[in-house]
Structures are given as C-alpha cells and as structure tokens.
Amino acid sequence: MHAARVALEIPHEHLHPMHRFVCESPAVDRETILERDAGGELTTLLLHVAGDRRRYERTVEEVPQVEEWTTTDAEEGFYVYVRTRLRDRERRYREALDRDAVLVVPPVELRSDRTVRQTLVGRSDALSAAVEALPAAVDVEVLRTGTYDRSLGVRPSERQREALAAAWAAGYYEVPREGGIEAVAEALDCATSTASDLLRRAERRVVAAALDERA
C-alpha cells in the first residue's frame, strides 16, 4: 500500500469562498476536513476550524453553494457540519483524486497559504495518475511518499514517549510550568541532560507531524 502526502497550491481565483476567507481573514487560521460524504447531490462535510466562530458563521451564511450548516464548540476552535454544492472547478479537483484505487484519507487541511494538504493512499501508478490529472493551474508539491502510516512516520520512540509522559505528569507542559526538567529526569531515572535530549527529540517529531515536515 503506497501513500503520498501532497500540498496543492490553489490559484486565488479558484479558491472556494470559505478557503478564501481562511486565506484573507486574520480571524481564521485553518479549516480542516475531518470527514466527507460525497455520495449524493450535495457534499456533506465535518470540519474543524481554528479561529473566530462568529466571524466564520457570518461568512458561511453568505456562500450561495452552502445549503445547510451548523457549528458547535470544540476544545480549540469549533466544529462545522455543512452540506454544500460543488462548483465545476471543485468537481474537476474531486474527479482527479476520487478515482479507482485511490483514497483521500482525512484530515484534509485548508491552510491560509492557499494550500490544501492531504494524504492519498493506493497503488503507486494510480497515485501518480491522480496527481497528473489535477488542473494545470494547481501547483503540486509532494511532501513525502512511502508506505501508509497513520502517524505519518514521525511517531516518537518508546523511550521518547516515556519522556513525554513523564513531562506531562510532572506539569512540564502546563502554563505556567509546574515541574522542571529535573522532575522529568527523576521520573525516568536518568541525568537531566539525557531527559532534555529525549524531550527535544520527541518534540521535534511531534512538531514535524504538525507541520508536515520530515522528522
């Protein structure tokens, strides 16, 4: 099973109105598709949005393609349930990627830099065909390829996970910080320099996953 993590840079004039809002408004940082059902006449989406819920609601209310929507609070940001009609250009994107032997695996991130980041899974020849079928105006960057892994290949090692767990339990990640590196080292029964190195390496992998970078 092959996988490719890709970033599609969408021309400004092709952006969906809500993705354009993400790009242009400081009120919203990112819109993420968590689930999608495109089986009927309308596409149904479950989104997570990081940003100002009220500003987002006022904007989505004005989008003519949106038939139905509702929002609810999340721990960080909010969720959106929306049913929308696709424009012709969005159908062309969908037809390029939704093909035999290819799966688009959520989450799909719509970022403020006009990129859509998503993971494609399937046969290598089918993945290549899907990317090549995208409109010529779309700039495609392949971020990584390889065997599919839900962790995107950046999972911390077992010892690094132990260090993260010890730091969490010690209050190292609380704001303000409740426990220092000495408490982490004591829990791991190692030197403070060793504990610090384990945390830095683990944090690097976690941040790499968040930024779609290689660890």
N, C-alpha and C. Protein backbone atom coordinates (compact mmCIF):
# COMPACT_ATOMS: atom_id res chain seq x y z
N MET A 1 0.84 -1.19 0.00
CA MET A 1 0.00 0.00 0.00
C MET A 1 0.88 1.24 0.00
N HIS A 2 0.73 2.07 -1.02
CA HIS A 2 1.54 3.28 -1.14
C HIS A 2 0.75 4.49 -0.65
N ALA A 3 1.50 5.51 -0.22
CA ALA A 3 0.87 6.74 0.25
C ALA A 3 1.70 7.93 -0.21
N ALA A 4 1.02 9.03 -0.45
CA ALA A 4 1.69 10.28 -0.79
C ALA A 4 1.01 11.41 -0.03
N ARG A 5 1.80 12.20 0.65
CA ARG A 5 1.30 13.41 1.31
C ARG A 5 1.60 14.57 0.38
N VAL A 6 0.57 15.27 -0.07
CA VAL A 6 0.75 16.32 -1.07
C VAL A 6 0.18 17.64 -0.58
N ALA A 7 0.76 18.72 -1.09
CA ALA A 7 0.25 20.08 -0.85
C ALA A 7 -0.15 20.65 -2.20
N LEU A 8 -1.42 20.97 -2.36
CA LEU A 8 -1.92 21.56 -3.60
C LEU A 8 -2.06 23.06 -3.39
N GLU A 9 -1.33 23.85 -4.17
CA GLU A 9 -1.45 25.31 -4.08
C GLU A 9 -2.49 25.75 -5.09
N ILE A 10 -3.62 26.25 -4.59
CA ILE A 10 -4.76 26.59 -5.43
C ILE A 10 -4.65 28.05 -5.90
N PRO A 11 -4.82 28.32 -7.19
CA PRO A 11 -4.83 29.72 -7.63
C PRO A 11 -5.90 30.51 -6.89
N HIS A 12 -5.60 31.76 -6.60
CA HIS A 12 -6.52 32.58 -5.81
C HIS A 12 -7.91 32.62 -6.41
N GLU A 13 -8.00 32.73 -7.73
CA GLU A 13 -9.30 32.84 -8.38
C GLU A 13 -10.08 31.52 -8.35
N HIS A 14 -9.43 30.42 -8.00
CA HIS A 14 -10.10 29.12 -7.93
C HIS A 14 -10.51 28.74 -6.50
N LEU A 15 -10.11 29.52 -5.52
CA LEU A 15 -10.39 29.16 -4.13
C LEU A 15 -11.89 29.13 -3.86
N HIS A 16 -12.30 28.13 -3.08
CA HIS A 16 -13.67 28.12 -2.57
C HIS A 16 -13.84 29.36 -1.68
N PRO A 17 -15.03 29.97 -1.64
CA PRO A 17 -15.22 31.17 -0.82
C PRO A 17 -14.77 31.03 0.63
N MET A 18 -14.98 29.85 1.23
CA MET A 18 -14.58 29.70 2.63
C MET A 18 -13.07 29.52 2.76
N HIS A 19 -12.43 28.88 1.77
CA HIS A 19 -10.97 28.79 1.81
C HIS A 19 -10.38 30.18 1.57
N ARG A 20 -11.00 30.98 0.71
CA ARG A 20 -10.54 32.36 0.51
C ARG A 20 -10.65 33.15 1.81
N PHE A 21 -11.72 32.91 2.56
CA PHE A 21 -11.88 33.57 3.85
C PHE A 21 -10.75 33.19 4.80
N VAL A 22 -10.38 31.92 4.81
CA VAL A 22 -9.27 31.46 5.65
C VAL A 22 -7.98 32.17 5.26
N CYS A 23 -7.78 32.35 3.96
CA CYS A 23 -6.56 32.98 3.46
C CYS A 23 -6.51 34.47 3.76
N GLU A 24 -7.65 35.14 3.68
CA GLU A 24 -7.67 36.60 3.73
C GLU A 24 -7.98 37.17 5.11
N SER A 25 -8.64 36.41 5.95
CA SER A 25 -9.08 36.96 7.23
C SER A 25 -8.16 36.52 8.37
N PRO A 26 -7.70 37.46 9.21
CA PRO A 26 -6.93 37.07 10.39
C PRO A 26 -7.78 36.37 11.44
N ALA A 27 -9.09 36.34 11.24
CA ALA A 27 -9.98 35.73 12.23
C ALA A 27 -9.90 34.21 12.22
N VAL A 28 -9.42 33.61 11.12
CA VAL A 28 -9.37 32.14 11.00
C VAL A 28 -7.98 31.73 10.53
N ASP A 29 -7.43 30.71 11.17
CA ASP A 29 -6.09 30.24 10.83
C ASP A 29 -6.12 29.03 9.91
N ARG A 30 -7.08 28.12 10.12
CA ARG A 30 -7.08 26.87 9.36
C ARG A 30 -8.45 26.23 9.40
N GLU A 31 -8.80 25.58 8.30
CA GLU A 31 -10.04 24.82 8.19
C GLU A 31 -9.65 23.39 7.82
N THR A 32 -10.11 22.42 8.58
CA THR A 32 -9.71 21.04 8.37
C THR A 32 -10.92 20.15 8.15
N ILE A 33 -10.90 19.39 7.05
CA ILE A 33 -11.97 18.43 6.77
C ILE A 33 -11.67 17.15 7.54
N LEU A 34 -12.55 16.81 8.49
CA LEU A 34 -12.38 15.60 9.29
C LEU A 34 -13.07 14.39 8.65
N GLU A 35 -14.25 14.61 8.09
CA GLU A 35 -15.00 13.55 7.43
C GLU A 35 -15.70 14.14 6.22
N ARG A 36 -15.96 13.28 5.21
CA ARG A 36 -16.60 13.75 3.99
C ARG A 36 -17.47 12.66 3.40
N ASP A 37 -18.65 13.04 2.94
CA ASP A 37 -19.52 12.12 2.21
C ASP A 37 -19.95 12.82 0.93
N ALA A 38 -19.43 12.34 -0.20
CA ALA A 38 -19.72 12.97 -1.49
C ALA A 38 -20.60 12.08 -2.35
N GLY A 39 -21.36 11.20 -1.71
CA GLY A 39 -22.14 10.22 -2.47
C GLY A 39 -23.39 10.77 -3.11
N GLY A 40 -23.96 11.85 -2.59
CA GLY A 40 -25.22 12.37 -3.11
C GLY A 40 -25.03 13.63 -3.93
N GLU A 41 -26.13 14.31 -4.18
CA GLU A 41 -26.08 15.55 -4.94
C GLU A 41 -25.32 16.63 -4.18
N LEU A 42 -25.44 16.60 -2.85
CA LEU A 42 -24.71 17.54 -2.00
C LEU A 42 -23.53 16.82 -1.35
N THR A 43 -22.45 17.56 -1.15
CA THR A 43 -21.31 17.04 -0.39
C THR A 43 -21.49 17.42 1.07
N THR A 44 -21.40 16.43 1.95
CA THR A 44 -21.56 16.67 3.38
C THR A 44 -20.18 16.60 4.04
N LEU A 45 -19.86 17.62 4.83
CA LEU A 45 -18.54 17.71 5.44
C LEU A 45 -18.65 17.93 6.94
N LEU A 46 -17.71 17.35 7.67
CA LEU A 46 -17.50 17.69 9.07
C LEU A 46 -16.14 18.37 9.14
N LEU A 47 -16.12 19.62 9.59
CA LEU A 47 -14.91 20.43 9.62
C LEU A 47 -14.52 20.78 11.05
N HIS A 48 -13.24 21.00 11.23
CA HIS A 48 -12.76 21.67 12.44
C HIS A 48 -12.11 22.97 11.99
N VAL A 49 -12.47 24.06 12.64
CA VAL A 49 -11.95 25.37 12.27
C VAL A 49 -11.26 25.99 13.48
N ALA A 50 -10.05 26.48 13.26
CA ALA A 50 -9.32 27.21 14.29
C ALA A 50 -9.49 28.69 14.03
N GLY A 51 -10.26 29.37 14.89
CA GLY A 51 -10.45 30.80 14.67
C GLY A 51 -11.73 31.31 15.32
N ASP A 52 -12.17 32.46 14.84
CA ASP A 52 -13.32 33.17 15.39
C ASP A 52 -14.61 32.57 14.85
N ARG A 53 -15.36 31.93 15.74
CA ARG A 53 -16.58 31.22 15.32
C ARG A 53 -17.62 32.17 14.75
N ARG A 54 -17.84 33.31 15.37
CA ARG A 54 -18.88 34.24 14.91
C ARG A 54 -18.56 34.81 13.54
N ARG A 55 -17.31 35.17 13.32
CA ARG A 55 -16.91 35.70 12.02
C ARG A 55 -17.10 34.64 10.94
N TYR A 56 -16.75 33.40 11.27
CA TYR A 56 -16.90 32.30 10.32
C TYR A 56 -18.38 32.10 9.98
N GLU A 57 -19.22 32.12 10.99
CA GLU A 57 -20.66 31.91 10.77
C GLU A 57 -21.25 32.99 9.87
N ARG A 58 -20.86 34.23 10.11
CA ARG A 58 -21.38 35.32 9.28
C ARG A 58 -20.95 35.16 7.82
N THR A 59 -19.75 34.62 7.61
CA THR A 59 -19.25 34.45 6.25
C THR A 59 -19.90 33.27 5.55
N VAL A 60 -20.00 32.12 6.21
CA VAL A 60 -20.57 30.94 5.57
C VAL A 60 -22.04 31.15 5.23
N GLU A 61 -22.72 31.98 5.99
CA GLU A 61 -24.13 32.26 5.73
C GLU A 61 -24.32 32.93 4.37
N GLU A 62 -23.29 33.60 3.87
CA GLU A 62 -23.39 34.34 2.60
C GLU A 62 -22.92 33.54 1.39
N VAL A 63 -22.47 32.30 1.59
CA VAL A 63 -21.96 31.49 0.47
C VAL A 63 -23.14 30.80 -0.22
N PRO A 64 -23.41 31.10 -1.50
CA PRO A 64 -24.61 30.57 -2.16
C PRO A 64 -24.61 29.06 -2.33
N GLN A 65 -23.43 28.43 -2.41
CA GLN A 65 -23.38 26.98 -2.60
C GLN A 65 -23.76 26.20 -1.35
N VAL A 66 -23.69 26.83 -0.19
CA VAL A 66 -23.94 26.15 1.08
C VAL A 66 -25.45 26.05 1.31
N GLU A 67 -25.95 24.83 1.41
CA GLU A 67 -27.38 24.58 1.60
C GLU A 67 -27.78 24.49 3.07
N GLU A 68 -26.84 24.02 3.89
CA GLU A 68 -27.17 23.79 5.30
C GLU A 68 -25.88 23.78 6.10
N TRP A 69 -25.91 24.35 7.30
CA TRP A 69 -24.72 24.32 8.15
C TRP A 69 -25.11 24.54 9.61
N THR A 70 -24.25 24.06 10.48
CA THR A 70 -24.38 24.32 11.91
C THR A 70 -22.99 24.20 12.54
N THR A 71 -22.79 24.86 13.66
CA THR A 71 -21.50 24.82 14.34
C THR A 71 -21.68 24.41 15.79
N THR A 72 -20.60 23.94 16.38
CA THR A 72 -20.60 23.59 17.80
C THR A 72 -19.20 23.78 18.34
N ASP A 73 -19.09 24.09 19.62
CA ASP A 73 -17.79 24.35 20.23
C ASP A 73 -16.90 23.12 20.23
N ALA A 74 -15.61 23.34 20.10
CA ALA A 74 -14.59 22.31 20.30
C ALA A 74 -13.62 22.83 21.34
N GLU A 75 -12.74 21.96 21.83
CA GLU A 75 -11.79 22.37 22.86
C GLU A 75 -10.92 23.52 22.36
N GLU A 76 -10.50 23.43 21.09
CA GLU A 76 -9.77 24.51 20.46
C GLU A 76 -10.46 24.80 19.13
N GLY A 77 -11.08 25.96 19.00
CA GLY A 77 -11.83 26.27 17.79
C GLY A 77 -13.25 25.76 17.87
N PHE A 78 -13.77 25.27 16.73
CA PHE A 78 -15.14 24.79 16.69
C PHE A 78 -15.31 23.82 15.52
N TYR A 79 -16.39 23.03 15.59
CA TYR A 79 -16.74 22.09 14.53
C TYR A 79 -17.83 22.69 13.65
N VAL A 80 -17.81 22.31 12.38
CA VAL A 80 -18.83 22.75 11.43
C VAL A 80 -19.36 21.53 10.70
N TYR A 81 -20.69 21.37 10.70
CA TYR A 81 -21.37 20.38 9.85
C TYR A 81 -21.98 21.18 8.71
N VAL A 82 -21.61 20.83 7.47
CA VAL A 82 -22.07 21.63 6.34
C VAL A 82 -22.41 20.73 5.16
N ARG A 83 -23.46 21.11 4.44
CA ARG A 83 -23.85 20.44 3.19
C ARG A 83 -23.79 21.48 2.09
N THR A 84 -23.00 21.19 1.05
CA THR A 84 -22.72 22.19 0.04
C THR A 84 -22.71 21.58 -1.36
N ARG A 85 -23.03 22.41 -2.33
CA ARG A 85 -22.91 22.02 -3.73
C ARG A 85 -21.52 22.41 -4.23
N LEU A 86 -20.94 21.56 -5.06
CA LEU A 86 -19.63 21.86 -5.62
C LEU A 86 -19.77 22.65 -6.91
N ARG A 87 -18.87 23.61 -7.10
CA ARG A 87 -18.78 24.29 -8.37
C ARG A 87 -18.04 23.40 -9.37
N ASP A 88 -18.09 23.74 -10.64
CA ASP A 88 -17.45 22.91 -11.66
C ASP A 88 -15.97 22.71 -11.40
N ARG A 89 -15.26 23.76 -11.00
CA ARG A 89 -13.82 23.62 -10.79
C ARG A 89 -13.52 22.70 -9.62
N GLU A 90 -14.38 22.70 -8.59
CA GLU A 90 -14.17 21.80 -7.46
C GLU A 90 -14.49 20.36 -7.86
N ARG A 91 -15.45 20.21 -8.74
CA ARG A 91 -15.74 18.86 -9.26
C ARG A 91 -14.53 18.31 -10.03
N ARG A 92 -13.84 19.17 -10.75
CA ARG A 92 -12.66 18.71 -11.50
C ARG A 92 -11.56 18.26 -10.56
N TYR A 93 -11.37 18.99 -9.46
CA TYR A 93 -10.40 18.53 -8.46
C TYR A 93 -10.82 17.18 -7.90
N ARG A 94 -12.10 17.07 -7.58
CA ARG A 94 -12.62 15.84 -6.99
C ARG A 94 -12.49 14.67 -7.96
N GLU A 95 -12.80 14.89 -9.22
CA GLU A 95 -12.72 13.82 -10.21
C GLU A 95 -11.28 13.35 -10.41
N ALA A 96 -10.32 14.27 -10.28
CA ALA A 96 -8.92 13.88 -10.43
C ALA A 96 -8.46 12.95 -9.31
N LEU A 97 -8.93 13.23 -8.09
CA LEU A 97 -8.44 12.49 -6.93
C LEU A 97 -9.33 11.33 -6.54
N ASP A 98 -10.64 11.43 -6.78
CA ASP A 98 -11.56 10.35 -6.42
C ASP A 98 -11.67 9.40 -7.61
N ARG A 99 -10.77 8.47 -7.66
CA ARG A 99 -10.73 7.53 -8.77
C ARG A 99 -10.46 6.14 -8.23
N ASP A 100 -10.63 5.12 -9.10
CA ASP A 100 -10.38 3.75 -8.69
C ASP A 100 -8.96 3.62 -8.15
N ALA A 101 -8.82 2.87 -7.07
CA ALA A 101 -7.54 2.53 -6.46
C ALA A 101 -6.88 3.69 -5.73
N VAL A 102 -7.62 4.79 -5.49
CA VAL A 102 -7.08 5.92 -4.74
C VAL A 102 -8.06 6.32 -3.64
N LEU A 103 -7.54 6.51 -2.45
CA LEU A 103 -8.32 7.02 -1.33
C LEU A 103 -7.71 8.34 -0.87
N VAL A 104 -8.56 9.33 -0.61
CA VAL A 104 -8.12 10.55 0.06
C VAL A 104 -8.43 10.34 1.54
N VAL A 105 -7.38 10.26 2.36
CA VAL A 105 -7.54 9.93 3.78
C VAL A 105 -7.57 11.21 4.60
N PRO A 106 -8.66 11.46 5.33
CA PRO A 106 -8.70 12.66 6.17
C PRO A 106 -7.73 12.52 7.35
N PRO A 107 -7.34 13.66 7.93
CA PRO A 107 -7.85 15.01 7.69
C PRO A 107 -7.25 15.65 6.45
N VAL A 108 -8.02 16.58 5.86
CA VAL A 108 -7.56 17.40 4.73
C VAL A 108 -7.50 18.84 5.24
N GLU A 109 -6.34 19.46 5.15
CA GLU A 109 -6.14 20.80 5.72
C GLU A 109 -6.21 21.87 4.65
N LEU A 110 -7.06 22.88 4.87
CA LEU A 110 -7.14 24.05 4.00
C LEU A 110 -6.44 25.18 4.74
N ARG A 111 -5.26 25.53 4.28
CA ARG A 111 -4.41 26.46 5.01
C ARG A 111 -4.48 27.88 4.46
N SER A 112 -4.00 28.81 5.27
CA SER A 112 -4.07 30.22 4.90
C SER A 112 -3.07 30.61 3.82
N ASP A 113 -2.16 29.71 3.44
CA ASP A 113 -1.21 29.99 2.35
C ASP A 113 -1.73 29.49 1.00
N ARG A 114 -3.04 29.24 0.90
CA ARG A 114 -3.72 28.76 -0.31
C ARG A 114 -3.42 27.30 -0.64
N THR A 115 -2.85 26.56 0.29
CA THR A 115 -2.59 25.15 0.03
C THR A 115 -3.66 24.27 0.66
N VAL A 116 -3.87 23.13 0.02
CA VAL A 116 -4.70 22.05 0.56
C VAL A 116 -3.76 20.86 0.76
N ARG A 117 -3.61 20.42 2.00
CA ARG A 117 -2.71 19.32 2.30
C ARG A 117 -3.53 18.07 2.62
N GLN A 118 -3.18 16.98 1.92
CA GLN A 118 -3.95 15.75 2.09
C GLN A 118 -3.07 14.54 1.79
N THR A 119 -3.54 13.40 2.27
CA THR A 119 -2.84 12.14 2.07
C THR A 119 -3.62 11.26 1.10
N LEU A 120 -2.92 10.77 0.08
CA LEU A 120 -3.51 9.86 -0.90
C LEU A 120 -2.93 8.47 -0.68
N VAL A 121 -3.80 7.47 -0.70
CA VAL A 121 -3.38 6.09 -0.46
C VAL A 121 -3.89 5.22 -1.61
N GLY A 122 -3.04 4.30 -2.08
CA GLY A 122 -3.45 3.38 -3.15
C GLY A 122 -2.24 2.83 -3.89
N ARG A 123 -2.46 2.32 -5.09
CA ARG A 123 -1.37 1.84 -5.92
C ARG A 123 -0.53 3.03 -6.38
N SER A 124 0.76 2.83 -6.51
CA SER A 124 1.64 3.93 -6.88
C SER A 124 1.29 4.50 -8.24
N ASP A 125 0.93 3.65 -9.21
CA ASP A 125 0.59 4.17 -10.53
C ASP A 125 -0.71 4.98 -10.48
N ALA A 126 -1.65 4.56 -9.65
CA ALA A 126 -2.91 5.30 -9.51
C ALA A 126 -2.69 6.64 -8.83
N LEU A 127 -1.80 6.69 -7.84
CA LEU A 127 -1.49 7.95 -7.18
C LEU A 127 -0.86 8.93 -8.16
N SER A 128 0.06 8.44 -8.99
CA SER A 128 0.69 9.30 -9.98
C SER A 128 -0.34 9.82 -10.98
N ALA A 129 -1.26 8.94 -11.40
CA ALA A 129 -2.29 9.35 -12.35
C ALA A 129 -3.20 10.41 -11.75
N ALA A 130 -3.52 10.27 -10.46
CA ALA A 130 -4.39 11.25 -9.80
C ALA A 130 -3.74 12.62 -9.76
N VAL A 131 -2.46 12.66 -9.40
CA VAL A 131 -1.76 13.93 -9.33
C VAL A 131 -1.66 14.57 -10.72
N GLU A 132 -1.37 13.75 -11.73
CA GLU A 132 -1.23 14.27 -13.09
C GLU A 132 -2.56 14.77 -13.65
N ALA A 133 -3.68 14.26 -13.13
CA ALA A 133 -5.00 14.65 -13.64
C ALA A 133 -5.49 15.97 -13.05
N LEU A 134 -4.81 16.50 -12.05
CA LEU A 134 -5.22 17.77 -11.48
C LEU A 134 -5.07 18.89 -12.51
N PRO A 135 -5.88 19.94 -12.41
CA PRO A 135 -5.76 21.05 -13.35
C PRO A 135 -4.35 21.62 -13.39
N ALA A 136 -3.91 22.04 -14.57
CA ALA A 136 -2.55 22.53 -14.75
C ALA A 136 -2.25 23.75 -13.89
N ALA A 137 -3.27 24.51 -13.53
CA ALA A 137 -3.07 25.72 -12.73
C ALA A 137 -2.73 25.42 -11.28
N VAL A 138 -2.94 24.17 -10.86
CA VAL A 138 -2.66 23.78 -9.47
C VAL A 138 -1.20 23.36 -9.34
N ASP A 139 -0.48 24.00 -8.44
CA ASP A 139 0.92 23.65 -8.18
C ASP A 139 0.94 22.54 -7.13
N VAL A 140 1.53 21.40 -7.48
CA VAL A 140 1.54 20.23 -6.59
C VAL A 140 2.94 20.02 -6.02
N GLU A 141 3.02 19.98 -4.69
CA GLU A 141 4.27 19.63 -4.02
C GLU A 141 4.07 18.31 -3.29
N VAL A 142 4.89 17.32 -3.61
CA VAL A 142 4.83 16.04 -2.93
C VAL A 142 5.70 16.14 -1.69
N LEU A 143 5.06 16.10 -0.52
CA LEU A 143 5.77 16.29 0.74
C LEU A 143 6.48 15.04 1.19
N ARG A 144 5.85 13.89 0.96
CA ARG A 144 6.51 12.62 1.28
C ARG A 144 5.77 11.49 0.57
N THR A 145 6.47 10.43 0.33
CA THR A 145 5.90 9.21 -0.23
C THR A 145 6.42 8.02 0.56
N GLY A 146 5.72 6.90 0.42
CA GLY A 146 6.16 5.68 1.11
C GLY A 146 4.98 4.81 1.46
N THR A 147 5.19 3.92 2.42
CA THR A 147 4.13 3.06 2.91
C THR A 147 3.23 3.85 3.86
N TYR A 148 1.93 3.63 3.77
CA TYR A 148 1.00 4.38 4.60
C TYR A 148 1.21 4.08 6.07
N ASP A 149 1.24 5.15 6.87
CA ASP A 149 1.35 5.05 8.32
C ASP A 149 0.51 6.18 8.89
N ARG A 150 -0.45 5.85 9.75
CA ARG A 150 -1.34 6.87 10.32
C ARG A 150 -0.56 7.96 11.04
N SER A 151 0.60 7.62 11.57
CA SER A 151 1.41 8.60 12.28
C SER A 151 2.26 9.43 11.34
N LEU A 152 2.18 9.17 10.02
CA LEU A 152 2.97 9.87 9.02
C LEU A 152 4.47 9.70 9.24
N GLY A 153 4.87 8.60 9.91
CA GLY A 153 6.29 8.31 10.03
C GLY A 153 7.03 9.15 11.05
N VAL A 154 6.34 9.85 11.93
CA VAL A 154 7.04 10.71 12.89
C VAL A 154 6.71 10.31 14.33
N ARG A 155 6.30 9.10 14.55
CA ARG A 155 5.96 8.66 15.91
C ARG A 155 7.21 8.62 16.77
N PRO A 156 7.17 9.21 17.97
CA PRO A 156 8.33 9.14 18.87
C PRO A 156 8.64 7.70 19.24
N SER A 157 9.92 7.46 19.57
CA SER A 157 10.31 6.13 20.03
C SER A 157 9.68 5.86 21.39
N GLU A 158 9.76 4.60 21.83
CA GLU A 158 9.16 4.24 23.11
C GLU A 158 9.78 5.03 24.26
N ARG A 159 11.10 5.18 24.24
CA ARG A 159 11.76 5.93 25.30
C ARG A 159 11.38 7.41 25.23
N GLN A 160 11.24 7.94 24.03
CA GLN A 160 10.80 9.33 23.89
C GLN A 160 9.38 9.51 24.39
N ARG A 161 8.53 8.53 24.13
CA ARG A 161 7.15 8.59 24.63
C ARG A 161 7.14 8.57 26.16
N GLU A 162 8.02 7.77 26.76
CA GLU A 162 8.12 7.74 28.21
C GLU A 162 8.53 9.12 28.75
N ALA A 163 9.45 9.78 28.04
CA ALA A 163 9.88 11.11 28.46
C ALA A 163 8.74 12.11 28.35
N LEU A 164 7.98 12.05 27.27
CA LEU A 164 6.83 12.94 27.11
C LEU A 164 5.79 12.71 28.21
N ALA A 165 5.53 11.43 28.50
CA ALA A 165 4.56 11.10 29.54
C ALA A 165 5.02 11.59 30.90
N ALA A 166 6.32 11.44 31.19
CA ALA A 166 6.86 11.90 32.46
C ALA A 166 6.77 13.42 32.57
N ALA A 167 7.06 14.10 31.46
CA ALA A 167 6.99 15.56 31.45
C ALA A 167 5.55 16.04 31.65
N TRP A 168 4.63 15.33 31.00
CA TRP A 168 3.22 15.69 31.14
C TRP A 168 2.76 15.52 32.59
N ALA A 169 3.12 14.38 33.18
CA ALA A 169 2.72 14.10 34.56
C ALA A 169 3.35 15.09 35.55
N ALA A 170 4.54 15.56 35.23
CA ALA A 170 5.25 16.48 36.13
C ALA A 170 4.76 17.92 35.99
N GLY A 171 3.88 18.18 35.03
CA GLY A 171 3.42 19.54 34.82
C GLY A 171 4.36 20.39 33.98
N TYR A 172 5.26 19.72 33.24
CA TYR A 172 6.27 20.42 32.44
C TYR A 172 5.62 21.24 31.33
N TYR A 173 4.45 20.78 30.84
CA TYR A 173 3.79 21.46 29.73
C TYR A 173 2.62 22.35 30.19
N GLU A 174 2.46 22.50 31.50
CA GLU A 174 1.43 23.40 31.99
C GLU A 174 1.87 24.86 31.78
N VAL A 175 0.91 25.75 31.74
CA VAL A 175 1.19 27.18 31.62
C VAL A 175 0.54 27.90 32.81
N PRO A 176 1.33 28.42 33.77
CA PRO A 176 2.79 28.36 33.80
C PRO A 176 3.30 26.95 34.16
N ARG A 177 4.55 26.70 33.85
CA ARG A 177 5.15 25.38 34.08
C ARG A 177 5.17 25.04 35.56
N GLU A 178 4.76 23.80 35.88
CA GLU A 178 4.69 23.37 37.27
C GLU A 178 5.87 22.48 37.67
N GLY A 179 6.49 21.83 36.72
CA GLY A 179 7.62 20.95 37.01
C GLY A 179 8.71 21.14 35.99
N GLY A 180 9.97 21.08 36.42
CA GLY A 180 11.10 21.31 35.53
C GLY A 180 11.68 20.03 34.99
N ILE A 181 12.79 20.17 34.25
CA ILE A 181 13.44 19.02 33.64
C ILE A 181 13.98 18.07 34.70
N GLU A 182 14.28 18.62 35.90
CA GLU A 182 14.79 17.75 36.98
C GLU A 182 13.73 16.72 37.38
N ALA A 183 12.46 17.12 37.41
CA ALA A 183 11.39 16.19 37.76
C ALA A 183 11.25 15.11 36.68
N VAL A 184 11.43 15.50 35.44
CA VAL A 184 11.36 14.51 34.35
C VAL A 184 12.50 13.52 34.47
N ALA A 185 13.71 14.02 34.72
CA ALA A 185 14.87 13.15 34.87
C ALA A 185 14.69 12.18 36.03
N GLU A 186 14.14 12.67 37.14
CA GLU A 186 13.91 11.80 38.30
C GLU A 186 12.93 10.68 37.96
N ALA A 187 11.85 11.02 37.23
CA ALA A 187 10.86 10.00 36.86
C ALA A 187 11.45 8.98 35.92
N LEU A 188 12.39 9.41 35.06
CA LEU A 188 13.00 8.49 34.09
C LEU A 188 14.24 7.80 34.66
N ASP A 189 14.69 8.24 35.86
CA ASP A 189 15.90 7.71 36.48
C ASP A 189 17.10 7.88 35.55
N CYS A 190 17.29 9.13 35.11
CA CYS A 190 18.41 9.41 34.21
C CYS A 190 18.93 10.81 34.51
N ALA A 191 20.02 11.19 33.88
CA ALA A 191 20.58 12.52 34.04
C ALA A 191 19.67 13.57 33.40
N THR A 192 19.74 14.80 33.90
CA THR A 192 18.91 15.86 33.34
C THR A 192 19.25 16.11 31.87
N SER A 193 20.52 15.98 31.51
CA SER A 193 20.91 16.18 30.11
C SER A 193 20.28 15.12 29.22
N THR A 194 20.17 13.88 29.73
CA THR A 194 19.54 12.80 28.97
C THR A 194 18.05 13.06 28.80
N ALA A 195 17.41 13.47 29.90
CA ALA A 195 15.98 13.77 29.84
C ALA A 195 15.71 14.91 28.87
N SER A 196 16.56 15.94 28.90
CA SER A 196 16.39 17.07 28.00
C SER A 196 16.54 16.65 26.54
N ASP A 197 17.51 15.80 26.27
CA ASP A 197 17.74 15.32 24.90
C ASP A 197 16.56 14.48 24.41
N LEU A 198 16.03 13.61 25.29
CA LEU A 198 14.87 12.79 24.91
C LEU A 198 13.66 13.66 24.58
N LEU A 199 13.43 14.68 25.39
CA LEU A 199 12.29 15.56 25.14
C LEU A 199 12.46 16.34 23.85
N ARG A 200 13.66 16.86 23.61
CA ARG A 200 13.88 17.63 22.38
C ARG A 200 13.65 16.77 21.14
N ARG A 201 14.14 15.54 21.17
CA ARG A 201 13.96 14.65 20.02
C ARG A 201 12.49 14.28 19.83
N ALA A 202 11.80 14.02 20.94
CA ALA A 202 10.37 13.68 20.86
C ALA A 202 9.56 14.87 20.36
N GLU A 203 9.85 16.03 20.90
CA GLU A 203 9.12 17.24 20.49
C GLU A 203 9.38 17.55 19.02
N ARG A 204 10.58 17.30 18.54
CA ARG A 204 10.88 17.54 17.13
C ARG A 204 10.00 16.68 16.24
N ARG A 205 9.80 15.43 16.64
CA ARG A 205 8.94 14.55 15.84
C ARG A 205 7.48 14.98 15.88
N VAL A 206 7.02 15.39 17.05
CA VAL A 206 5.64 15.85 17.17
C VAL A 206 5.42 17.12 16.33
N VAL A 207 6.37 18.05 16.41
CA VAL A 207 6.24 19.29 15.63
C VAL A 207 6.33 18.99 14.15
N ALA A 208 7.19 18.06 13.75
CA ALA A 208 7.29 17.68 12.33
C ALA A 208 5.95 17.17 11.82
N ALA A 209 5.24 16.40 12.64
CA ALA A 209 3.93 15.90 12.23
C ALA A 209 2.95 17.05 12.04
N ALA A 210 3.00 18.03 12.94
CA ALA A 210 2.07 19.16 12.86
C ALA A 210 2.34 20.02 11.64
N LEU A 211 3.60 20.12 11.23
CA LEU A 211 3.97 20.98 10.12
C LEU A 211 4.14 20.25 8.80
N ASP A 212 3.87 18.94 8.79
CA ASP A 212 4.08 18.15 7.59
C ASP A 212 5.53 18.18 7.12
N GLU A 213 6.45 18.13 8.05
CA GLU A 213 7.86 18.09 7.71
C GLU A 213 8.42 16.73 8.10
N ARG A 214 9.58 16.44 7.52
CA ARG A 214 10.24 15.19 7.87
C ARG A 214 10.90 15.33 9.24
N ALA A 215 10.83 14.24 10.03
CA ALA A 215 11.50 14.26 11.33
C ALA A 215 12.94 13.83 11.18
